[in-house]
Amino acid sequence: MVAQDGEHEIVVDKSRFICHVKRVYNDQDAMEFIKEIKKIHWNATHNCSAYQVGDFNEIQKANDDGEPSGTAGVPMLEVLRKQGIKNCVVVVTRYFGGIKLGAGGLIRTYGKAVSEAIKELGVIERKTMKTMFVNADYNLLGTIQSRLEGTDYLISQVHYTDKVSVEVLIDVDSEETFTSWIIDMTNGKVDVVPGETSFKEVPYHREA
C-alpha cells in the first residue's frame, strides 16, 4: 500500500505529467477519485487512470483517456502490479507540451510518472505485529533508541512516567529473541513486558 495520498509531477519534452495517488478500498471510491481529478483538471489534455482493489487485487482497471490504446492506463496498472501496491488508484494528468512522444515514449513516461510518485510517497505493508514494552531508567533511553535503530524492531512510541517505557513493534514470532537481545544489550537493566498483537502499518523494505 502507499504510505499516504498525494501527487508528484514530472516534465518530459515540455509535457507535464502529474500523478495523483490515493488509497481506496472499493471500485466506487476509485471511480469517484478519478471523476474528482478530471473535474479539477478539466482543461488537461488527458487524465489517464489505473487502479487495483481487493486483498487479492480482484478488481483491476485501466483507462487511456484518449491516449493511443495501451500506452497509458495499462503501463500505469503494470507498475501497481509489479510493486505489489494494493487498494490504490492513480490518475496521471497530462498537459501536452507540443512534442509527441510516440507509443514507446508514452508507455515509458506514464509508467515513470507512477513509479516516481510511489517512491516519493512511500510504501507500507499491513503486518501482524507484537507490541513489547521496554521499561528502563531514563539514562538508558539513548542507548535503547540507538541500538534499535537499523534493526527490524520498530519504535512505536515512548512513554514518560517515573521510568521511560519504549513501545516496540516486533514480528509475532520474535518475542523470545527480542526479549533476550534487549536484556543482554542492557546488561539486564530493563523490564520487558509483552503487549497486544494487532495489525500495524509498517514501512515496506523490498528485498535486494
Foldseek 3Di string as FASTA:
>chain_A
DFPAWDWDWDADPQKIKIKGKDFAADPVVLVVVLVVVCVVPVVFPAWWKWAFHDPVSPDTDTGPRPDPPPQARVLCSVLCVVVVPYRMMMIITIHDRPDDLPSVRSSVVNNVRNVVGSVVRADKDKAWKWKKKKWAAPVCVVVVVVVCPPDQKAFDDWDDDNIIITIIIDHPVCVVVVVVVVCVSVVNRIDMDIDDIDIDIDGDDDDD
